[in-house]
Amino acid sequence: MRNFIVGVRILACAATFLAVFSAGCRDKSPEESGRVLLTVPIGVTQLEGQTSQSHAERLLQELNDNNSSYVFVAAHRGGWERDWENRAPENSLVNIDKAVRMSFDVYETDLIQSKDGHFVIFHDGTIDRTTNGTGRVMDLSLSQLKELNLKYTNGKISGESVPTFEEFLIRGKGRILFKIDYNAPLQSFPDAVRLVKKHGMLGHVFFRFWWSNEIAEDLTRFIESGMPFHPSLIMFRTRTPEEVRAAVSQFSPNIIEVFLYTVDQEITPNGLEALSMAREAGVLIETHSWGGKKEWSELIKAGVRMLHTQEPEAMTEFLKNYGVHW
């Protein structure tokens, strides 16, 4: 199993290199193409030809570069701090546009299945809080869900409908990466992965699972049975050094989440030890941060390169000023 995953990882890295190399060879001058060259902060990798890449490809370049100091902003539910002002309710297609416009790197969201088996984007198990309807998502068909309109946090009704996972992928492709909390039945996971592959987005989408031996066994079985795989496909949420060691040993992931906090938002010694182990393993570390600038700075110094936040606008500005974000 480990040899198979290592082989996939090598092939993925080779494909990324060839894509970057080819893009650079085809690139025209700014005068010919009408493009404007971007200035990247000190400490962030900039390569020739990157102006011809999609934004997501540039992000993947940073993600796969162990020497990069770029820090990714993972926006909780796409960022909904000013949803009414932006006319972009949480988990809507227009909220993807807003997240891209505001330079967020990763759109964090949640995946669930409708009664008739379609993958839809919902944070809650019910539709009450975020739509003009009531009931459980799993009790409604896709056609019933599509009749609903999403709500803003102020209670006003938007013109936005409930998006499917496939609509999310299409809207974000090449523009942003996705972190998906997978809340649908586990046996349907290979179907979700096949949708990602269908749209050429393996490596652009990270499915997050809490680490457990049972989940790891099921996912291994899916992979060995032919489910499409990429080293960035599965982001395990780990809490201890033992969980980090097991995830790295069994799946050779590009990225891992280290959950650092108690229920009182205190950072645990176990979490810090797990973070240290992940850093030594050379895996990109993601964690939640509910604190402010002081905590963000400390986490960056500790080696965290992806910060999941409910304040993506403030964090993006902070990281740009810190010199570790475009």
C-alpha atoms as a PDB file:
ATOM      1  CA  MET A   1       0.000   0.000   0.000  1.00  0.00           C
ATOM      2  CA  ARG A   2       2.728   2.478   0.986  1.00  0.00           C
ATOM      3  CA  ASN A   3       4.785   1.673  -2.142  1.00  0.00           C
ATOM      4  CA  PHE A   4       1.709   2.267  -4.315  1.00  0.00           C
ATOM      5  CA  ILE A   5       1.045   5.667  -2.719  1.00  0.00           C
ATOM      6  CA  VAL A   6       4.704   6.717  -2.979  1.00  0.00           C
ATOM      7  CA  GLY A   7       4.594   5.826  -6.675  1.00  0.00           C
ATOM      8  CA  VAL A   8       1.464   7.938  -7.170  1.00  0.00           C
ATOM      9  CA  ARG A   9       3.141  10.817  -5.352  1.00  0.00           C
ATOM     10  CA  ILE A  10       6.183  10.689  -7.663  1.00  0.00           C
ATOM     11  CA  LEU A  11       3.942  10.646 -10.749  1.00  0.00           C
ATOM     12  CA  ALA A  12       1.913  13.606  -9.416  1.00  0.00           C
ATOM     13  CA  CYS A  13       5.054  15.649  -8.802  1.00  0.00           C
ATOM     14  CA  ALA A  14       6.367  14.805 -12.284  1.00  0.00           C
ATOM     15  CA  ALA A  15       3.066  15.881 -13.859  1.00  0.00           C
ATOM     16  CA  THR A  16       3.166  19.178 -11.957  1.00  0.00           C
ATOM     17  CA  PHE A  17       6.725  19.824 -13.146  1.00  0.00           C
ATOM     18  CA  LEU A  18       5.863  19.079 -16.778  1.00  0.00           C
ATOM     19  CA  ALA A  19       2.811  21.353 -16.633  1.00  0.00           C
ATOM     20  CA  VAL A  20       4.885  24.202 -15.222  1.00  0.00           C
ATOM     21  CA  PHE A  21       7.705  23.619 -17.722  1.00  0.00           C
ATOM     22  CA  SER A  22       5.348  23.502 -20.684  1.00  0.00           C
ATOM     23  CA  ALA A  23       3.547  26.646 -19.548  1.00  0.00           C
ATOM     24  CA  GLY A  24       6.862  28.455 -19.297  1.00  0.00           C
ATOM     25  CA  CYS A  25       7.892  27.346 -22.797  1.00  0.00           C
ATOM     26  CA  ARG A  26       4.651  28.614 -24.304  1.00  0.00           C
ATOM     27  CA  ASP A  27       4.634  31.899 -22.426  1.00  0.00           C
ATOM     28  CA  LYS A  28       4.569  35.179 -24.351  1.00  0.00           C
ATOM     29  CA  SER A  29       5.956  38.506 -23.229  1.00  0.00           C
ATOM     30  CA  PRO A  30       3.658  40.796 -21.199  1.00  0.00           C
ATOM     31  CA  GLU A  31       3.472  43.154 -24.167  1.00  0.00           C
ATOM     32  CA  GLU A  32       2.303  40.386 -26.495  1.00  0.00           C
ATOM     33  CA  SER A  33      -0.256  38.950 -24.118  1.00  0.00           C
ATOM     34  CA  GLY A  34      -1.478  42.128 -22.462  1.00  0.00           C
ATOM     35  CA  ARG A  35      -0.812  40.613 -19.053  1.00  0.00           C
ATOM     36  CA  VAL A  36       0.633  42.369 -16.042  1.00  0.00           C
ATOM     37  CA  LEU A  37       3.504  40.764 -14.155  1.00  0.00           C
ATOM     38  CA  LEU A  38       2.786  40.183 -10.465  1.00  0.00           C
ATOM     39  CA  THR A  39       5.232  41.038  -7.722  1.00  0.00           C
ATOM     40  CA  VAL A  40       5.421  38.305  -5.105  1.00  0.00           C
ATOM     41  CA  PRO A  41       6.498  39.102  -1.510  1.00  0.00           C
ATOM     42  CA  ILE A  42      10.013  38.173  -0.383  1.00  0.00           C
ATOM     43  CA  GLY A  43      10.127  34.604   0.880  1.00  0.00           C
ATOM     44  CA  VAL A  44       7.503  33.372  -1.588  1.00  0.00           C
ATOM     45  CA  THR A  45       8.612  31.320  -4.579  1.00  0.00           C
ATOM     46  CA  GLN A  46       8.220  32.925  -8.019  1.00  0.00           C
ATOM     47  CA  LEU A  47       9.023  30.969 -11.163  1.00  0.00           C
ATOM     48  CA  GLU A  48       9.426  31.929 -14.801  1.00  0.00           C
ATOM     49  CA  GLY A  49       6.293  31.364 -16.834  1.00  0.00           C
ATOM     50  CA  GLN A  50       3.933  31.394 -13.852  1.00  0.00           C
ATOM     51  CA  THR A  51       1.873  34.193 -15.421  1.00  0.00           C
ATOM     52  CA  SER A  52       0.498  31.614 -17.867  1.00  0.00           C
ATOM     53  CA  GLN A  53      -0.620  29.299 -15.060  1.00  0.00           C
ATOM     54  CA  SER A  54      -4.006  29.277 -13.423  1.00  0.00           C
ATOM     55  CA  HIS A  55      -4.144  30.665  -9.910  1.00  0.00           C
ATOM     56  CA  ALA A  56      -4.754  27.175  -8.529  1.00  0.00           C
ATOM     57  CA  GLU A  57      -1.671  25.832 -10.322  1.00  0.00           C
ATOM     58  CA  ARG A  58       0.457  28.550  -8.746  1.00  0.00           C
ATOM     59  CA  LEU A  59      -0.960  27.623  -5.353  1.00  0.00           C
ATOM     60  CA  LEU A  60      -0.154  23.955  -5.938  1.00  0.00           C
ATOM     61  CA  GLN A  61       3.391  24.916  -6.835  1.00  0.00           C
ATOM     62  CA  GLU A  62       3.738  26.558  -3.431  1.00  0.00           C
ATOM     63  CA  LEU A  63       2.011  23.667  -1.679  1.00  0.00           C
ATOM     64  CA  ASN A  64       4.385  21.098  -3.175  1.00  0.00           C
ATOM     65  CA  ASP A  65       7.535  23.167  -2.526  1.00  0.00           C
ATOM     66  CA  ASN A  66       8.991  22.278   0.866  1.00  0.00           C
ATOM     67  CA  ASN A  67      11.240  25.330   0.662  1.00  0.00           C
ATOM     68  CA  SER A  68       8.377  27.771   0.117  1.00  0.00           C
ATOM     69  CA  SER A  69       7.331  30.004   2.999  1.00  0.00           C
ATOM     70  CA  TYR A  70       3.939  30.753   1.458  1.00  0.00           C
ATOM     71  CA  VAL A  71       1.101  30.497   4.005  1.00  0.00           C
ATOM     72  CA  PHE A  72      -2.353  29.501   2.759  1.00  0.00           C
ATOM     73  CA  VAL A  73      -5.608  31.035   3.963  1.00  0.00           C
ATOM     74  CA  ALA A  74      -8.343  28.412   4.332  1.00  0.00           C
ATOM     75  CA  ALA A  75     -11.583  30.374   4.611  1.00  0.00           C
ATOM     76  CA  HIS A  76     -14.184  28.759   6.877  1.00  0.00           C
ATOM     77  CA  ARG A  77     -17.302  28.190   4.715  1.00  0.00           C
ATOM     78  CA  GLY A  78     -15.656  30.427   2.145  1.00  0.00           C
ATOM     79  CA  GLY A  79     -15.692  33.429   4.466  1.00  0.00           C
ATOM     80  CA  TRP A  80     -19.076  34.870   5.402  1.00  0.00           C
ATOM     81  CA  GLU A  81     -18.123  37.803   7.626  1.00  0.00           C
ATOM     82  CA  ARG A  82     -19.761  40.362   5.327  1.00  0.00           C
ATOM     83  CA  ASP A  83     -22.089  38.133   3.345  1.00  0.00           C
ATOM     84  CA  TRP A  84     -24.854  40.756   2.973  1.00  0.00           C
ATOM     85  CA  GLU A  85     -22.454  43.518   1.963  1.00  0.00           C
ATOM     86  CA  ASN A  86     -20.831  41.217  -0.598  1.00  0.00           C
ATOM     87  CA  ARG A  87     -24.174  39.681  -1.648  1.00  0.00           C
ATOM     88  CA  ALA A  88     -22.508  36.310  -1.199  1.00  0.00           C
ATOM     89  CA  PRO A  89     -24.180  33.951   1.314  1.00  0.00           C
ATOM     90  CA  GLU A  90     -22.100  31.170   2.786  1.00  0.00           C
ATOM     91  CA  ASN A  91     -21.580  28.108   0.616  1.00  0.00           C
ATOM     92  CA  SER A  92     -22.991  29.741  -2.508  1.00  0.00           C
ATOM     93  CA  LEU A  93     -21.468  29.819  -5.976  1.00  0.00           C
ATOM     94  CA  VAL A  94     -21.125  33.607  -5.839  1.00  0.00           C
ATOM     95  CA  ASN A  95     -19.225  33.174  -2.575  1.00  0.00           C
ATOM     96  CA  ILE A  96     -16.546  31.307  -4.513  1.00  0.00           C
ATOM     97  CA  ASP A  97     -16.193  34.370  -6.755  1.00  0.00           C
ATOM     98  CA  LYS A  98     -15.869  36.568  -3.687  1.00  0.00           C
ATOM     99  CA  ALA A  99     -13.270  34.280  -2.084  1.00  0.00           C
ATOM    100  CA  VAL A 100     -11.168  34.403  -5.259  1.00  0.00           C
ATOM    101  CA  ARG A 101     -11.519  38.174  -5.460  1.00  0.00           C
ATOM    102  CA  MET A 102     -10.299  38.533  -1.879  1.00  0.00           C
ATOM    103  CA  SER A 103      -7.243  36.309  -2.466  1.00  0.00           C
ATOM    104  CA  PHE A 104      -8.318  33.443  -0.232  1.00  0.00           C
ATOM    105  CA  ASP A 105      -6.472  30.271  -1.214  1.00  0.00           C
ATOM    106  CA  VAL A 106      -8.677  27.453   0.051  1.00  0.00           C
ATOM    107  CA  TYR A 107     -12.459  27.359   0.239  1.00  0.00           C
ATOM    108  CA  GLU A 108     -13.433  25.176   3.203  1.00  0.00           C
ATOM    109  CA  THR A 109     -16.886  23.651   2.999  1.00  0.00           C
ATOM    110  CA  ASP A 110     -18.952  20.572   3.838  1.00  0.00           C
ATOM    111  CA  LEU A 111     -20.310  17.784   1.677  1.00  0.00           C
ATOM    112  CA  ILE A 112     -23.515  15.871   2.345  1.00  0.00           C
ATOM    113  CA  GLN A 113     -25.867  13.725   0.246  1.00  0.00           C
ATOM    114  CA  SER A 114     -29.469  14.408  -0.675  1.00  0.00           C
ATOM    115  CA  LYS A 115     -32.194  11.797  -0.322  1.00  0.00           C
ATOM    116  CA  ASP A 116     -31.635  10.689  -3.915  1.00  0.00           C
ATOM    117  CA  GLY A 117     -27.855  10.449  -3.559  1.00  0.00           C
ATOM    118  CA  HIS A 118     -26.619  13.750  -5.014  1.00  0.00           C
ATOM    119  CA  PHE A 119     -23.662  15.478  -3.354  1.00  0.00           C
ATOM    120  CA  VAL A 120     -24.648  18.954  -2.153  1.00  0.00           C
ATOM    121  CA  ILE A 121     -22.863  21.696  -0.231  1.00  0.00           C
ATOM    122  CA  PHE A 122     -24.239  22.185   3.278  1.00  0.00           C
ATOM    123  CA  HIS A 123     -22.605  22.879   6.625  1.00  0.00           C
ATOM    124  CA  ASP A 124     -25.584  21.847   8.741  1.00  0.00           C
ATOM    125  CA  GLY A 125     -27.515  18.609   8.648  1.00  0.00           C
ATOM    126  CA  THR A 126     -30.703  20.682   8.341  1.00  0.00           C
ATOM    127  CA  ILE A 127     -31.651  23.432   5.912  1.00  0.00           C
ATOM    128  CA  ASP A 128     -33.286  25.692   8.524  1.00  0.00           C
ATOM    129  CA  ARG A 129     -30.422  28.101   9.266  1.00  0.00           C
ATOM    130  CA  THR A 130     -29.160  28.743   5.739  1.00  0.00           C
ATOM    131  CA  THR A 131     -32.276  28.523   3.517  1.00  0.00           C
ATOM    132  CA  ASN A 132     -35.924  29.580   3.409  1.00  0.00           C
ATOM    133  CA  GLY A 133     -36.992  25.992   4.094  1.00  0.00           C
ATOM    134  CA  THR A 134     -37.022  23.537   6.975  1.00  0.00           C
ATOM    135  CA  GLY A 135     -36.045  19.891   7.373  1.00  0.00           C
ATOM    136  CA  ARG A 136     -33.086  17.575   7.061  1.00  0.00           C
ATOM    137  CA  VAL A 137     -30.924  17.563   3.935  1.00  0.00           C
ATOM    138  CA  MET A 138     -30.957  13.763   3.798  1.00  0.00           C
ATOM    139  CA  ASP A 139     -34.771  13.750   3.692  1.00  0.00           C
ATOM    140  CA  LEU A 140     -34.998  15.978   0.594  1.00  0.00           C
ATOM    141  CA  SER A 141     -34.307  15.222  -3.062  1.00  0.00           C
ATOM    142  CA  LEU A 142     -32.035  17.397  -5.165  1.00  0.00           C
ATOM    143  CA  SER A 143     -35.026  18.887  -7.009  1.00  0.00           C
ATOM    144  CA  GLN A 144     -36.578  19.861  -3.665  1.00  0.00           C
ATOM    145  CA  LEU A 145     -33.322  21.408  -2.475  1.00  0.00           C
ATOM    146  CA  LYS A 146     -32.985  23.349  -5.731  1.00  0.00           C
ATOM    147  CA  GLU A 147     -36.334  25.027  -5.068  1.00  0.00           C
ATOM    148  CA  LEU A 148     -34.858  26.696  -1.961  1.00  0.00           C
ATOM    149  CA  ASN A 149     -32.957  29.965  -1.690  1.00  0.00           C
ATOM    150  CA  LEU A 150     -29.954  30.536   0.535  1.00  0.00           C
ATOM    151  CA  LYS A 151     -30.198  33.087   3.351  1.00  0.00           C
ATOM    152  CA  TYR A 152     -27.798  35.759   4.523  1.00  0.00           C
ATOM    153  CA  THR A 153     -26.774  35.865   8.181  1.00  0.00           C
ATOM    154  CA  ASN A 154     -29.159  38.823   8.663  1.00  0.00           C
ATOM    155  CA  GLY A 155     -32.064  36.549   7.687  1.00  0.00           C
ATOM    156  CA  LYS A 156     -32.724  38.093   4.281  1.00  0.00           C
ATOM    157  CA  ILE A 157     -33.302  35.736   1.358  1.00  0.00           C
ATOM    158  CA  SER A 158     -30.829  35.692  -1.522  1.00  0.00           C
ATOM    159  CA  GLY A 159     -31.393  34.685  -5.116  1.00  0.00           C
ATOM    160  CA  GLU A 160     -28.828  31.902  -4.742  1.00  0.00           C
ATOM    161  CA  SER A 161     -29.851  28.240  -4.882  1.00  0.00           C
ATOM    162  CA  VAL A 162     -28.342  25.265  -3.067  1.00  0.00           C
ATOM    163  CA  PRO A 163     -25.220  24.233  -5.020  1.00  0.00           C
ATOM    164  CA  THR A 164     -24.181  20.711  -5.864  1.00  0.00           C
ATOM    165  CA  PHE A 165     -20.620  19.566  -5.323  1.00  0.00           C
ATOM    166  CA  GLU A 166     -20.100  19.362  -9.076  1.00  0.00           C
ATOM    167  CA  GLU A 167     -21.276  22.960  -9.531  1.00  0.00           C
ATOM    168  CA  PHE A 168     -18.787  24.000  -6.854  1.00  0.00           C
ATOM    169  CA  LEU A 169     -15.952  22.223  -8.650  1.00  0.00           C
ATOM    170  CA  ILE A 170     -16.825  23.801 -11.991  1.00  0.00           C
ATOM    171  CA  ARG A 171     -17.079  27.305 -10.516  1.00  0.00           C
ATOM    172  CA  GLY A 172     -13.776  27.066  -8.624  1.00  0.00           C
ATOM    173  CA  LYS A 173     -11.631  25.129 -11.078  1.00  0.00           C
ATOM    174  CA  GLY A 174      -8.313  26.868 -11.718  1.00  0.00           C
ATOM    175  CA  ARG A 175      -9.226  29.695  -9.352  1.00  0.00           C
ATOM    176  CA  ILE A 176      -9.135  28.284  -5.827  1.00  0.00           C
ATOM    177  CA  LEU A 177      -8.442  25.074  -3.897  1.00  0.00           C
ATOM    178  CA  PHE A 178     -11.053  23.243  -1.826  1.00  0.00           C
ATOM    179  CA  LYS A 179     -10.978  21.675   1.624  1.00  0.00           C
ATOM    180  CA  ILE A 180     -14.019  19.447   1.987  1.00  0.00           C
ATOM    181  CA  ASP A 181     -15.355  18.092   5.254  1.00  0.00           C
ATOM    182  CA  TYR A 182     -16.812  14.804   4.059  1.00  0.00           C
ATOM    183  CA  ASN A 183     -20.107  14.195   5.904  1.00  0.00           C
ATOM    184  CA  ALA A 184     -21.826  11.858   3.441  1.00  0.00           C
ATOM    185  CA  PRO A 185     -21.925   8.060   3.893  1.00  0.00           C
ATOM    186  CA  LEU A 186     -18.389   6.720   3.631  1.00  0.00           C
ATOM    187  CA  GLN A 187     -19.328   4.101   1.042  1.00  0.00           C
ATOM    188  CA  SER A 188     -20.146   6.951  -1.362  1.00  0.00           C
ATOM    189  CA  PHE A 189     -16.698   8.545  -1.040  1.00  0.00           C
ATOM    190  CA  PRO A 190     -15.263   6.953  -4.217  1.00  0.00           C
ATOM    191  CA  ASP A 191     -18.138   8.567  -6.169  1.00  0.00           C
ATOM    192  CA  ALA A 192     -17.153  11.994  -4.825  1.00  0.00           C
ATOM    193  CA  VAL A 193     -13.536  11.355  -5.796  1.00  0.00           C
ATOM    194  CA  ARG A 194     -14.575  10.320  -9.303  1.00  0.00           C
ATOM    195  CA  LEU A 195     -16.341  13.676  -9.687  1.00  0.00           C
ATOM    196  CA  VAL A 196     -13.088  15.410  -8.747  1.00  0.00           C
ATOM    197  CA  LYS A 197     -11.182  13.362 -11.317  1.00  0.00           C
ATOM    198  CA  LYS A 198     -13.863  13.985 -13.959  1.00  0.00           C
ATOM    199  CA  HIS A 199     -13.101  17.707 -13.763  1.00  0.00           C
ATOM    200  CA  GLY A 200      -9.319  17.266 -13.693  1.00  0.00           C
ATOM    201  CA  MET A 201      -9.021  18.480 -10.112  1.00  0.00           C
ATOM    202  CA  LEU A 202      -7.153  15.717  -8.305  1.00  0.00           C
ATOM    203  CA  GLY A 203      -4.694  17.596  -6.103  1.00  0.00           C
ATOM    204  CA  HIS A 204      -6.943  20.673  -6.011  1.00  0.00           C
ATOM    205  CA  VAL A 205      -9.393  19.161  -3.523  1.00  0.00           C
ATOM    206  CA  PHE A 206      -8.552  17.929  -0.016  1.00  0.00           C
ATOM    207  CA  PHE A 207     -11.130  15.751   1.744  1.00  0.00           C
ATOM    208  CA  ARG A 208     -10.829  16.065   5.503  1.00  0.00           C
ATOM    209  CA  PHE A 209     -11.399  13.091   7.821  1.00  0.00           C
ATOM    210  CA  TRP A 210     -10.750  12.680  11.517  1.00  0.00           C
ATOM    211  CA  TRP A 211      -7.987  10.103  11.891  1.00  0.00           C
ATOM    212  CA  SER A 212      -9.091   6.680  13.064  1.00  0.00           C
ATOM    213  CA  ASN A 213      -7.817   3.213  12.294  1.00  0.00           C
ATOM    214  CA  GLU A 214     -11.270   2.249  10.998  1.00  0.00           C
ATOM    215  CA  ILE A 215     -11.442   5.184   8.565  1.00  0.00           C
ATOM    216  CA  ALA A 216      -7.876   4.501   7.440  1.00  0.00           C
ATOM    217  CA  GLU A 217      -8.723   0.849   6.718  1.00  0.00           C
ATOM    218  CA  ASP A 218     -11.797   1.804   4.682  1.00  0.00           C
ATOM    219  CA  LEU A 219      -9.915   4.426   2.653  1.00  0.00           C
ATOM    220  CA  THR A 220      -7.066   1.995   2.013  1.00  0.00           C
ATOM    221  CA  ARG A 221      -9.577  -0.539   0.724  1.00  0.00           C
ATOM    222  CA  PHE A 222     -11.061   2.069  -1.651  1.00  0.00           C
ATOM    223  CA  ILE A 223      -7.605   2.962  -2.993  1.00  0.00           C
ATOM    224  CA  GLU A 224      -6.593  -0.662  -3.470  1.00  0.00           C
ATOM    225  CA  SER A 225      -9.901  -1.262  -5.290  1.00  0.00           C
ATOM    226  CA  GLY A 226      -9.042   1.395  -7.878  1.00  0.00           C
ATOM    227  CA  MET A 227     -10.416   4.650  -6.476  1.00  0.00           C
ATOM    228  CA  PRO A 228      -8.520   7.594  -8.038  1.00  0.00           C
ATOM    229  CA  PHE A 229      -5.826   8.803  -5.661  1.00  0.00           C
ATOM    230  CA  HIS A 230      -3.496  11.760  -5.157  1.00  0.00           C
ATOM    231  CA  PRO A 231      -1.161  12.509  -2.210  1.00  0.00           C
ATOM    232  CA  SER A 232      -3.252  15.607  -1.441  1.00  0.00           C
ATOM    233  CA  LEU A 233      -6.623  13.854  -1.734  1.00  0.00           C
ATOM    234  CA  ILE A 234      -7.025  13.004   1.959  1.00  0.00           C
ATOM    235  CA  MET A 235      -6.305  15.458   4.759  1.00  0.00           C
ATOM    236  CA  PHE A 236      -6.377  13.646   8.064  1.00  0.00           C
ATOM    237  CA  ARG A 237      -7.188  15.640  11.180  1.00  0.00           C
ATOM    238  CA  THR A 238      -4.736  14.409  13.805  1.00  0.00           C
ATOM    239  CA  ARG A 239      -4.397  15.224  17.500  1.00  0.00           C
ATOM    240  CA  THR A 240      -1.415  13.229  18.729  1.00  0.00           C
ATOM    241  CA  PRO A 241       2.099  12.321  17.541  1.00  0.00           C
ATOM    242  CA  GLU A 242       0.949   8.714  17.190  1.00  0.00           C
ATOM    243  CA  GLU A 243      -1.836   9.714  14.781  1.00  0.00           C
ATOM    244  CA  VAL A 244       0.554  11.847  12.718  1.00  0.00           C
ATOM    245  CA  ARG A 245       3.034   8.971  12.543  1.00  0.00           C
ATOM    246  CA  ALA A 246       0.343   6.515  11.444  1.00  0.00           C
ATOM    247  CA  ALA A 247      -1.113   8.842   8.775  1.00  0.00           C
ATOM    248  CA  VAL A 248       2.303   9.663   7.317  1.00  0.00           C
ATOM    249  CA  SER A 249       3.427   6.038   7.362  1.00  0.00           C
ATOM    250  CA  GLN A 250       0.292   4.631   5.740  1.00  0.00           C
ATOM    251  CA  PHE A 251      -0.668   7.368   3.234  1.00  0.00           C
ATOM    252  CA  SER A 252       2.451   9.513   2.566  1.00  0.00           C
ATOM    253  CA  PRO A 253       0.241  12.630   2.369  1.00  0.00           C
ATOM    254  CA  ASN A 254       1.273  16.029   1.052  1.00  0.00           C
ATOM    255  CA  ILE A 255      -0.789  17.752   3.731  1.00  0.00           C
ATOM    256  CA  ILE A 256      -2.048  16.993   7.218  1.00  0.00           C
ATOM    257  CA  GLU A 257      -4.156  18.814   9.777  1.00  0.00           C
ATOM    258  CA  VAL A 258      -2.936  19.025  13.349  1.00  0.00           C
ATOM    259  CA  PHE A 259      -5.740  19.906  15.725  1.00  0.00           C
ATOM    260  CA  LEU A 260      -4.140  21.860  18.546  1.00  0.00           C
ATOM    261  CA  TYR A 261      -6.947  22.919  20.832  1.00  0.00           C
ATOM    262  CA  THR A 262      -9.017  21.840  23.810  1.00  0.00           C
ATOM    263  CA  VAL A 263     -12.712  22.730  24.003  1.00  0.00           C
ATOM    264  CA  ASP A 264     -11.614  25.906  25.809  1.00  0.00           C
ATOM    265  CA  GLN A 265      -9.401  26.872  22.852  1.00  0.00           C
ATOM    266  CA  GLU A 266      -6.201  26.154  24.777  1.00  0.00           C
ATOM    267  CA  ILE A 267      -3.296  24.709  22.787  1.00  0.00           C
ATOM    268  CA  THR A 268      -2.434  21.242  24.095  1.00  0.00           C
ATOM    269  CA  PRO A 269       1.094  19.856  24.643  1.00  0.00           C
ATOM    270  CA  ASN A 270       0.061  16.791  22.615  1.00  0.00           C
ATOM    271  CA  GLY A 271      -0.909  19.059  19.746  1.00  0.00           C
ATOM    272  CA  LEU A 272       2.435  20.864  19.791  1.00  0.00           C
ATOM    273  CA  GLU A 273       4.282  17.537  19.786  1.00  0.00           C
ATOM    274  CA  ALA A 274       2.171  16.341  16.855  1.00  0.00           C
ATOM    275  CA  LEU A 275       2.916  19.577  14.989  1.00  0.00           C
ATOM    276  CA  SER A 276       6.640  19.063  15.549  1.00  0.00           C
ATOM    277  CA  MET A 277       6.477  15.506  14.230  1.00  0.00           C
ATOM    278  CA  ALA A 278       4.553  16.573  11.106  1.00  0.00           C
ATOM    279  CA  ARG A 279       7.116  19.290  10.443  1.00  0.00           C
ATOM    280  CA  GLU A 280       9.978  16.796  10.719  1.00  0.00           C
ATOM    281  CA  ALA A 281       8.152  14.518   8.264  1.00  0.00           C
ATOM    282  CA  GLY A 282       8.152  17.296   5.666  1.00  0.00           C
ATOM    283  CA  VAL A 283       4.351  17.386   5.376  1.00  0.00           C
ATOM    284  CA  LEU A 284       2.544  20.697   4.865  1.00  0.00           C
ATOM    285  CA  ILE A 285       0.762  21.448   8.141  1.00  0.00           C
ATOM    286  CA  GLU A 286      -2.748  22.881   8.373  1.00  0.00           C
ATOM    287  CA  THR A 287      -4.446  23.916  11.580  1.00  0.00           C
ATOM    288  CA  HIS A 288      -7.391  25.936  12.824  1.00  0.00           C
ATOM    289  CA  SER A 289      -6.672  29.302  14.351  1.00  0.00           C
ATOM    290  CA  TRP A 290      -9.417  31.105  16.227  1.00  0.00           C
ATOM    291  CA  GLY A 291      -6.977  33.615  17.724  1.00  0.00           C
ATOM    292  CA  GLY A 292      -5.579  36.863  16.352  1.00  0.00           C
ATOM    293  CA  LYS A 293      -2.313  38.195  14.941  1.00  0.00           C
ATOM    294  CA  LYS A 294      -0.144  37.062  17.852  1.00  0.00           C
ATOM    295  CA  GLU A 295      -1.334  33.469  17.491  1.00  0.00           C
ATOM    296  CA  TRP A 296      -1.025  33.572  13.699  1.00  0.00           C
ATOM    297  CA  SER A 297       2.576  34.725  14.001  1.00  0.00           C
ATOM    298  CA  GLU A 298       3.408  31.999  16.535  1.00  0.00           C
ATOM    299  CA  LEU A 299       1.855  29.279  14.390  1.00  0.00           C
ATOM    300  CA  ILE A 300       3.782  30.424  11.314  1.00  0.00           C
ATOM    301  CA  LYS A 301       7.035  30.343  13.298  1.00  0.00           C
ATOM    302  CA  ALA A 302       6.109  26.827  14.461  1.00  0.00           C
ATOM    303  CA  GLY A 303       5.924  25.676  10.836  1.00  0.00           C
ATOM    304  CA  VAL A 304       2.198  25.877  10.039  1.00  0.00           C
ATOM    305  CA  ARG A 305       1.633  26.739   6.370  1.00  0.00           C
ATOM    306  CA  MET A 306      -2.150  26.635   6.102  1.00  0.00           C
ATOM    307  CA  LEU A 307      -4.414  28.461   8.541  1.00  0.00           C
ATOM    308  CA  HIS A 308      -8.116  27.678   8.728  1.00  0.00           C
ATOM    309  CA  THR A 309      -9.897  30.798   9.915  1.00  0.00           C
ATOM    310  CA  GLN A 310     -13.244  32.487  10.420  1.00  0.00           C
ATOM    311  CA  GLU A 311     -11.520  35.820   9.698  1.00  0.00           C
ATOM    312  CA  PRO A 312     -10.019  35.272   6.238  1.00  0.00           C
ATOM    313  CA  GLU A 313     -10.019  38.952   5.262  1.00  0.00           C
ATOM    314  CA  ALA A 314      -8.002  40.041   8.292  1.00  0.00           C
ATOM    315  CA  MET A 315      -5.713  37.029   8.025  1.00  0.00           C
ATOM    316  CA  THR A 316      -4.999  37.599   4.323  1.00  0.00           C
ATOM    317  CA  GLU A 317      -4.029  41.205   4.994  1.00  0.00           C
ATOM    318  CA  PHE A 318      -1.829  40.113   7.913  1.00  0.00           C
ATOM    319  CA  LEU A 319      -0.045  37.450   5.849  1.00  0.00           C
ATOM    320  CA  LYS A 320       0.585  39.853   2.973  1.00  0.00           C
ATOM    321  CA  ASN A 321       2.150  42.323   5.380  1.00  0.00           C
ATOM    322  CA  TYR A 322       4.129  39.446   6.918  1.00  0.00           C
ATOM    323  CA  GLY A 323       5.556  38.674   3.461  1.00  0.00           C
ATOM    324  CA  VAL A 324       4.208  35.132   3.120  1.00  0.00           C
ATOM    325  CA  HIS A 325       1.158  35.628   0.890  1.00  0.00           C
ATOM    326  CA  TRP A 326       0.459  37.142  -2.533  1.00  0.00           C
END
